[in-house]
């Protein structure tokens, strides 16, 4: 019997599956200060809240046990005003609890009173002289961890200089920054402060100032002058997902030959906001079959795969290819590891361009064979 070596074309269709593994939001080394219902307020004062000029408050205003809120209008409010009602009373109770919680945190570093010109990573910082000043810029570096918490404790005052700024980098969020102030906070004009101010006595917010967080004083007044205060919220966790091209042409091959080709970019995107993320991407193939009658099949035991190195990575962690080189190729009739992340911090992503090869049996017939390559991540 004579046999003619006829070329065959294989087409690989891909499917993707993402499975969330473990908690969606990990716990940072230092837990946030629980604000309770006080989190609903942008401004909360013990005796009064006063405003001068065209301030903008994004969030509720509350006062308790006092009963004075003035300056709205001309101040603009995107929220509600609660004057010694049940909401304000509960908010003040929860603020007091939060203040005591922050004050009781174990100090990780005792530092100079001058925070300007410094960079701090997650931790609980206490002022050596009992006061904090910010002249210039203070940078808070989350080092890739979106759950990083920064707590600043002072027995007396916090004073920010004119045009000073608190900067957040590498995933730091203002919702996780807390200023526990033993007496009063005075925020200088044209400055930007990020975080939640928990003051025992009072807060003075000077003109043209931005607070990305909250201004809350237990015993006395929050005084505002033509400034913007926006209640901060933490970013919502996203998903762990994987994407791949819908189809890929593996080319043609003769009987006994090999059809081989790149599938195109496969990408894992991890937006779960985890402190210590890990994931494993896997790959498996179906048989390759023709669409005609009768149906002809090339077994998935003839299909091999190698991921190759990453073509792009983002984030912190160890990204490892399941099959770094062609010599590491594996038969994908069962699930194989395609790529992994270990020792991760925060959100991340990885992209690679894998190669699939199919050995054509001598018994195959001419035609277009289609199989499905399924990628999963968990």
Protein backbone atom coordinates (compact mmCIF):
# COMPACT_ATOMS: atom_id res chain seq x y z
CA UNK A 1 0.00 0.00 0.00
CA UNK A 2 1.38 3.36 -0.96
CA UNK A 3 0.99 6.30 1.43
CA UNK A 4 1.21 9.93 0.42
CA UNK A 5 2.48 12.41 2.98
CA UNK A 6 -0.29 14.98 2.91
CA UNK A 7 0.00 18.27 4.78
CA UNK A 8 -2.44 18.93 7.61
CA UNK A 9 -3.40 22.26 9.21
CA UNK A 10 -4.16 22.45 12.92
CA UNK A 11 -6.08 25.23 14.58
CA UNK A 12 -6.01 25.64 18.35
CA UNK A 13 -8.94 27.39 19.96
CA UNK A 14 -8.32 28.61 23.49
CA UNK A 15 -10.56 28.92 26.52
CA UNK A 16 -9.79 30.53 29.84
CA UNK A 17 -10.96 29.96 33.38
CA UNK A 18 -10.19 31.98 36.49
CA UNK A 19 -10.86 30.67 39.96
CA UNK A 20 -10.49 32.90 43.00
CA UNK A 21 -8.31 31.21 45.57
CA UNK A 22 -8.28 32.09 49.24
CA UNK A 23 -9.43 35.38 50.79
CA UNK A 24 -9.96 38.28 48.45
CA UNK A 25 -8.25 40.70 50.79
CA UNK A 26 -5.31 39.72 52.90
CA UNK A 27 -4.50 41.12 56.32
CA UNK A 28 -1.59 43.51 56.47
CA UNK A 29 1.04 43.20 59.19
CA UNK A 30 -0.61 46.19 60.95
CA UNK A 31 -4.40 46.27 60.99
CA UNK A 32 -6.27 49.48 60.12
CA UNK A 33 -7.78 51.45 62.98
CA UNK A 34 -11.50 50.52 63.04
CA UNK A 35 -13.53 53.71 62.61
CA UNK A 36 -16.96 52.14 62.89
CA UNK A 37 -19.73 54.56 61.95
CA UNK A 38 -17.29 57.47 62.22
CA UNK A 39 -16.09 56.33 58.78
CA UNK A 40 -19.23 57.91 57.31
CA UNK A 41 -18.06 61.39 58.29
CA UNK A 42 -15.63 63.67 56.51
CA UNK A 43 -15.79 66.10 59.45
CA UNK A 44 -16.80 65.30 63.02
CA UNK A 45 -16.47 67.69 65.96
CA UNK A 46 -17.20 67.48 69.66
CA UNK A 47 -18.59 70.96 70.29
CA UNK A 48 -18.82 72.58 66.84
CA UNK A 49 -17.89 72.58 63.18
CA UNK A 50 -17.30 76.02 61.66
CA UNK A 51 -16.53 77.06 58.10
CA UNK A 52 -15.38 80.25 56.40
CA UNK A 53 -15.54 80.66 52.64
CA UNK A 54 -16.26 78.30 49.77
CA UNK A 55 -15.10 75.05 51.31
CA UNK A 56 -16.12 71.72 49.80
CA UNK A 57 -16.88 68.76 52.05
CA UNK A 58 -17.38 65.33 50.45
CA UNK A 59 -18.97 63.20 53.15
CA UNK A 60 -21.14 63.82 56.19
CA UNK A 61 -20.60 66.49 58.84
CA UNK A 62 -21.40 65.69 62.45
CA UNK A 63 -21.19 67.27 65.89
CA UNK A 64 -21.83 65.76 69.33
CA UNK A 65 -22.36 66.53 72.20
CA UNK A 66 -22.26 70.11 70.89
CA UNK A 67 -24.95 71.47 68.56
CA UNK A 68 -23.23 74.04 66.34
CA UNK A 69 -22.51 73.73 62.62
CA UNK A 70 -21.98 77.04 60.79
CA UNK A 71 -20.83 78.17 57.35
CA UNK A 72 -22.86 75.82 55.12
CA UNK A 73 -23.60 77.73 52.95
CA UNK A 74 -21.41 79.31 51.64
CA UNK A 75 -19.55 76.03 52.11
CA UNK A 76 -20.70 73.19 49.85
CA UNK A 77 -21.58 69.80 51.27
CA UNK A 78 -21.94 66.51 49.40
CA UNK A 79 -23.44 64.66 52.32
CA UNK A 80 -25.67 65.20 55.36
CA UNK A 81 -25.34 67.25 58.55
CA UNK A 82 -25.96 65.45 61.84
CA UNK A 83 -26.27 67.70 64.88
CA UNK A 84 -26.19 65.71 68.10
CA UNK A 85 -28.63 63.17 66.71
CA UNK A 86 -28.39 59.40 67.05
CA UNK A 87 -26.04 59.18 64.06
CA UNK A 88 -23.69 61.86 65.41
CA UNK A 89 -23.73 60.41 68.92
CA UNK A 90 -22.82 56.95 67.65
CA UNK A 91 -20.19 58.43 65.35
CA UNK A 92 -18.55 60.21 68.29
CA UNK A 93 -18.64 57.03 70.37
CA UNK A 94 -16.91 55.13 67.57
CA UNK A 95 -14.41 57.96 67.06
CA UNK A 96 -13.43 57.78 70.73
CA UNK A 97 -12.98 54.02 70.42
CA UNK A 98 -10.84 54.51 67.31
CA UNK A 99 -8.72 57.16 69.04
CA UNK A 100 -8.03 54.84 71.96
CA UNK A 101 -7.27 51.97 69.59
CA UNK A 102 -4.69 54.05 67.70
CA UNK A 103 -3.13 55.34 70.94
CA UNK A 104 -2.73 51.78 72.23
CA UNK A 105 -0.94 50.42 69.16
CA UNK A 106 2.54 49.08 69.79
CA UNK A 107 5.10 51.55 68.48
CA UNK A 108 7.40 50.17 65.79
CA UNK A 109 9.63 53.27 65.56
CA UNK A 110 10.21 56.40 67.64
CA UNK A 111 11.16 59.19 65.25
CA UNK A 112 11.99 62.87 65.14
CA UNK A 113 9.18 65.37 65.28
CA UNK A 114 10.01 66.53 61.73
CA UNK A 115 8.42 64.25 59.16
CA UNK A 116 9.02 66.51 56.19
CA UNK A 117 11.68 65.29 53.81
CA UNK A 118 11.34 61.67 54.97
CA UNK A 119 9.87 58.45 53.55
CA UNK A 120 8.04 56.02 55.81
CA UNK A 121 6.96 52.45 55.15
CA UNK A 122 4.15 50.64 56.96
CA UNK A 123 4.33 50.86 60.73
CA UNK A 124 3.35 52.69 63.91
CA UNK A 125 5.40 55.86 64.41
CA UNK A 126 5.64 57.79 67.65
CA UNK A 127 7.11 61.26 68.03
CA UNK A 128 10.08 61.43 70.39
CA UNK A 129 9.24 64.96 71.65
CA UNK A 130 5.49 64.37 71.55
CA UNK A 131 4.73 66.54 68.49
CA UNK A 132 4.83 66.06 64.73
CA UNK A 133 5.67 68.68 62.12
CA UNK A 134 5.59 68.37 58.35
CA UNK A 135 7.65 70.96 56.50
CA UNK A 136 7.96 70.05 52.84
CA UNK A 137 6.96 66.57 51.71
CA UNK A 138 6.33 63.37 53.66
CA UNK A 139 6.22 60.24 51.49
CA UNK A 140 4.38 57.11 52.58
CA UNK A 141 5.61 54.05 50.66
CA UNK A 142 3.41 50.93 50.72
CA UNK A 143 6.09 48.93 48.86
CA UNK A 144 3.46 47.40 46.63
CA UNK A 145 1.09 46.38 49.44
CA UNK A 146 -2.30 48.13 49.06
CA UNK A 147 -3.16 47.08 52.63
CA UNK A 148 -0.15 48.80 54.19
CA UNK A 149 -1.16 50.76 57.30
CA UNK A 150 0.55 53.91 58.61
CA UNK A 151 -0.20 55.15 62.14
CA UNK A 152 1.35 58.32 63.58
CA UNK A 153 0.97 58.82 67.33
CA UNK A 154 1.68 62.06 69.14
CA UNK A 155 1.03 63.12 72.72
CA UNK A 156 0.52 66.72 71.72
CA UNK A 157 0.19 68.43 68.31
CA UNK A 158 0.45 67.86 64.58
CA UNK A 159 1.39 70.96 62.58
CA UNK A 160 1.79 70.95 58.80
CA UNK A 161 3.70 73.75 57.14
CA UNK A 162 2.45 75.96 54.34
CA UNK A 163 2.49 74.12 50.98
CA UNK A 164 3.50 70.83 52.61
CA UNK A 165 2.32 67.54 51.12
CA UNK A 166 1.81 63.97 52.24
CA UNK A 167 2.49 61.79 49.19
CA UNK A 168 1.34 58.19 48.75
CA UNK A 169 3.37 55.83 46.56
CA UNK A 170 3.53 52.16 45.57
CA UNK A 171 -0.05 51.33 46.46
CA UNK A 172 -0.46 53.33 49.67
CA UNK A 173 -4.05 54.42 50.35
CA UNK A 174 -5.19 57.40 52.42
CA UNK A 175 -7.89 55.24 54.05
CA UNK A 176 -5.08 53.33 55.79
CA UNK A 177 -3.28 56.39 57.19
CA UNK A 178 -4.13 57.49 60.75
CA UNK A 179 -3.01 60.51 62.78
CA UNK A 180 -3.65 60.09 66.51
CA UNK A 181 -3.22 63.58 67.96
CA UNK A 182 -3.05 64.03 71.74
CA UNK A 183 -4.27 67.62 71.64
CA UNK A 184 -4.79 69.65 68.43
CA UNK A 185 -3.89 69.57 64.74
CA UNK A 186 -3.14 72.70 62.73
CA UNK A 187 -2.94 72.26 58.97
CA UNK A 188 -1.08 74.98 57.05
CA UNK A 189 -2.44 76.83 54.04
CA UNK A 190 -2.00 75.41 50.52
CA UNK A 191 -0.99 72.03 51.90
CA UNK A 192 -2.23 68.48 51.32
CA UNK A 193 -2.72 66.04 54.15
CA UNK A 194 -3.70 62.43 53.54
CA UNK A 195 -5.21 60.22 56.18
CA UNK A 196 -7.65 60.24 59.06
CA UNK A 197 -7.01 62.84 61.78
CA UNK A 198 -8.18 61.59 65.18
CA UNK A 199 -7.61 64.59 67.46
CA UNK A 200 -8.47 64.69 71.14
CA UNK A 201 -9.13 68.44 71.23
CA UNK A 202 -9.46 70.42 67.98
CA UNK A 203 -8.46 70.74 64.32
CA UNK A 204 -7.76 73.92 62.37
CA UNK A 205 -7.82 73.63 58.59
CA UNK A 206 -6.30 76.72 56.97
CA UNK A 207 -7.15 78.21 53.57
CA UNK A 208 -6.70 76.40 50.24
CA UNK A 209 -5.92 73.12 51.92
CA UNK A 210 -6.86 69.59 50.86
CA UNK A 211 -7.55 66.76 53.29
CA UNK A 212 -7.79 63.35 51.64
CA UNK A 213 -9.23 61.47 54.58
CA UNK A 214 -11.13 62.81 57.60
CA UNK A 215 -10.91 65.65 60.13
CA UNK A 216 -12.37 64.47 63.45
CA UNK A 217 -11.96 66.04 66.90
CA UNK A 218 -13.43 64.52 70.05
CA UNK A 219 -13.71 67.36 72.57
CA UNK A 220 -13.85 70.65 70.72
CA UNK A 221 -14.05 72.30 67.28
CA UNK A 222 -13.12 71.56 63.70
CA UNK A 223 -12.51 74.93 62.06
CA UNK A 224 -12.34 75.07 58.23
CA UNK A 225 -11.34 77.91 55.91
CA UNK A 226 -11.96 77.65 52.15
CA UNK A 227 -10.64 74.10 51.91
CA UNK A 228 -11.58 70.68 50.54
CA UNK A 229 -12.07 67.64 52.76
CA UNK A 230 -12.91 64.34 51.07
CA UNK A 231 -13.82 61.24 53.03
CA UNK A 232 -11.42 58.54 51.88
CA UNK A 233 -12.43 55.00 51.02
CA UNK A 234 -10.23 52.02 50.31
CA UNK A 235 -10.14 50.67 46.77
CA UNK A 236 -12.42 47.69 46.19
CA UNK A 237 -10.63 44.39 45.48
CA UNK A 238 -10.74 43.23 41.88
CA UNK A 239 -10.42 39.76 40.39
CA UNK A 240 -7.78 37.21 39.50
CA UNK A 241 -8.17 36.66 35.75
CA UNK A 242 -6.44 35.09 32.77
CA UNK A 243 -6.78 35.95 29.09
CA UNK A 244 -5.60 34.29 25.86
CA UNK A 245 -6.23 34.65 22.11
CA UNK A 246 -9.45 33.06 20.88
CA UNK A 247 -7.71 31.08 18.13
CA UNK A 248 -4.20 30.30 16.94
CA UNK A 249 -3.06 28.59 13.73
CA UNK A 250 -0.40 26.00 14.44
CA UNK A 251 0.41 25.68 10.75
CA UNK A 252 0.73 22.64 8.50
CA UNK A 253 2.74 19.45 8.72
CA UNK A 254 3.15 16.22 6.79
CA UNK A 255 2.32 12.81 8.16
CA UNK A 256 4.85 11.98 10.81
CA UNK A 257 5.80 15.65 11.12
CA UNK A 258 5.11 18.29 13.76
CA UNK A 259 2.80 21.29 13.53
CA UNK A 260 3.98 23.97 15.90
CA UNK A 261 3.23 27.61 16.62
CA UNK A 262 2.92 30.34 19.20
CA UNK A 263 -0.54 30.80 20.67
CA UNK A 264 -0.07 34.52 21.24
CA UNK A 265 0.03 36.42 24.53
CA UNK A 266 -1.45 34.79 27.61
CA UNK A 267 -1.85 37.16 30.55
CA UNK A 268 -2.68 36.67 34.22
CA UNK A 269 -3.96 39.84 35.91
CA UNK A 270 -4.23 39.88 39.69
CA UNK A 271 -6.19 42.85 41.08
CA UNK A 272 -7.31 41.27 44.37
CA UNK A 273 -5.46 43.82 46.55
CA UNK A 274 -3.82 41.02 48.52
CA UNK A 275 -0.85 41.65 50.76
CA UNK A 276 0.72 38.27 49.93
CA UNK A 277 -0.80 37.02 46.66
CA UNK A 278 0.09 33.71 45.04
CA UNK A 279 -1.37 32.08 41.96
CA UNK A 280 -0.82 29.16 39.62
CA UNK A 281 -1.82 29.15 35.94
CA UNK A 282 -2.37 25.76 34.31
CA UNK A 283 -2.88 24.52 30.75
CA UNK A 284 -4.50 21.43 29.23
CA UNK A 285 -5.51 20.38 25.69
CA UNK A 286 -8.36 18.41 24.21
CA UNK A 287 -7.97 16.01 21.31
CA UNK A 288 -7.66 17.62 17.89
CA UNK A 289 -10.51 16.62 15.55
CA UNK A 290 -11.71 17.33 12.03
CA UNK A 291 -15.09 18.87 11.28
CA UNK A 292 -15.99 16.54 8.39
CA UNK A 293 -17.68 13.17 8.32
CA UNK A 294 -16.31 10.85 9.42
CA UNK A 295 -14.55 12.68 12.25
CA UNK A 296 -10.82 12.04 12.49
CA UNK A 297 -8.90 12.58 15.73
CA UNK A 298 -5.35 13.32 16.79
CA UNK A 299 -5.01 12.44 20.49
CA UNK A 300 -4.04 15.12 22.98
CA UNK A 301 -1.18 12.84 24.00
CA UNK A 302 0.45 14.12 20.80
CA UNK A 303 0.26 17.77 22.00
CA UNK A 304 3.15 19.34 23.87
CA UNK A 305 3.46 22.80 25.40
CA UNK A 306 6.07 25.17 26.72
CA UNK A 307 5.41 28.59 28.18
CA UNK A 308 8.79 30.14 27.58
CA UNK A 309 9.93 33.13 29.62
CA UNK A 310 7.65 35.99 30.60
CA UNK A 311 7.40 38.70 27.96
CA UNK A 312 6.12 41.23 30.52
CA UNK A 313 5.67 41.32 34.28
CA UNK A 314 4.31 43.96 36.63
CA UNK A 315 4.35 44.01 40.40
CA UNK A 316 6.45 42.45 43.12
CA UNK A 317 7.02 38.70 43.41
CA UNK A 318 8.72 35.68 41.91
CA UNK A 319 7.24 34.84 38.51
CA UNK A 320 8.22 31.34 37.35
CA UNK A 321 7.62 29.69 33.99
CA UNK A 322 6.36 26.13 34.04
CA UNK A 323 8.49 25.28 30.99
CA UNK A 324 11.20 27.92 30.49
CA UNK A 325 12.68 26.36 27.32
CA UNK A 326 11.66 24.03 24.49
CA UNK A 327 13.56 21.23 26.20
CA UNK A 328 11.13 21.56 29.10
CA UNK A 329 8.04 21.03 26.94
CA UNK A 330 5.36 18.79 28.48
CA UNK A 331 2.55 16.68 27.07
CA UNK A 332 -0.70 18.50 27.94
CA UNK A 333 -3.20 15.66 27.95
CA UNK A 334 -3.51 16.53 31.65
CA UNK A 335 -3.23 19.89 33.40
CA UNK A 336 0.30 21.24 33.54
CA UNK A 337 1.66 24.27 35.33
CA UNK A 338 2.07 27.15 32.90
CA UNK A 339 3.21 29.97 35.18
CA UNK A 340 3.27 30.74 38.90
CA UNK A 341 3.60 33.69 41.24
CA UNK A 342 5.09 33.27 44.71
CA UNK A 343 6.27 35.78 47.33
CA UNK A 344 3.96 38.38 45.81
CA UNK A 345 3.02 41.78 47.20
CA UNK A 346 -0.09 43.60 46.01
CA UNK A 347 -1.50 43.68 42.50
CA UNK A 348 0.52 42.10 39.70
CA UNK A 349 0.42 40.65 36.21
CA UNK A 350 2.45 38.39 33.93
CA UNK A 351 2.36 37.77 30.17
CA UNK A 352 3.97 35.00 28.13
CA UNK A 353 3.74 33.69 24.54
CA UNK A 354 3.56 29.89 24.73
CA UNK A 355 4.30 27.37 22.01
CA UNK A 356 2.11 24.33 21.27
CA UNK A 357 3.39 21.49 19.10
CA UNK A 358 1.36 18.53 17.77
CA UNK A 359 2.97 15.36 16.46
CA UNK A 360 1.06 14.23 13.35
CA UNK A 361 0.51 10.43 13.34
CA UNK A 362 1.32 8.45 10.20
CA UNK A 363 -2.30 7.29 10.26
CA UNK A 364 -3.78 10.79 10.10
CA UNK A 365 -5.84 11.96 7.14
CA UNK A 366 -5.74 15.30 5.40
CA UNK A 367 -7.88 18.02 6.89
CA UNK A 368 -8.10 20.86 9.37
CA UNK A 369 -7.91 19.64 12.95
CA UNK A 370 -9.23 21.80 15.78
CA UNK A 371 -8.53 21.40 19.45
CA UNK A 372 -9.05 23.51 22.55
CA UNK A 373 -6.26 24.69 24.83
CA UNK A 374 -7.68 25.69 28.22
CA UNK A 375 -5.84 28.02 30.57
CA UNK A 376 -6.91 28.32 34.19
CA UNK A 377 -5.61 30.35 37.11
CA UNK A 378 -6.25 29.98 40.82
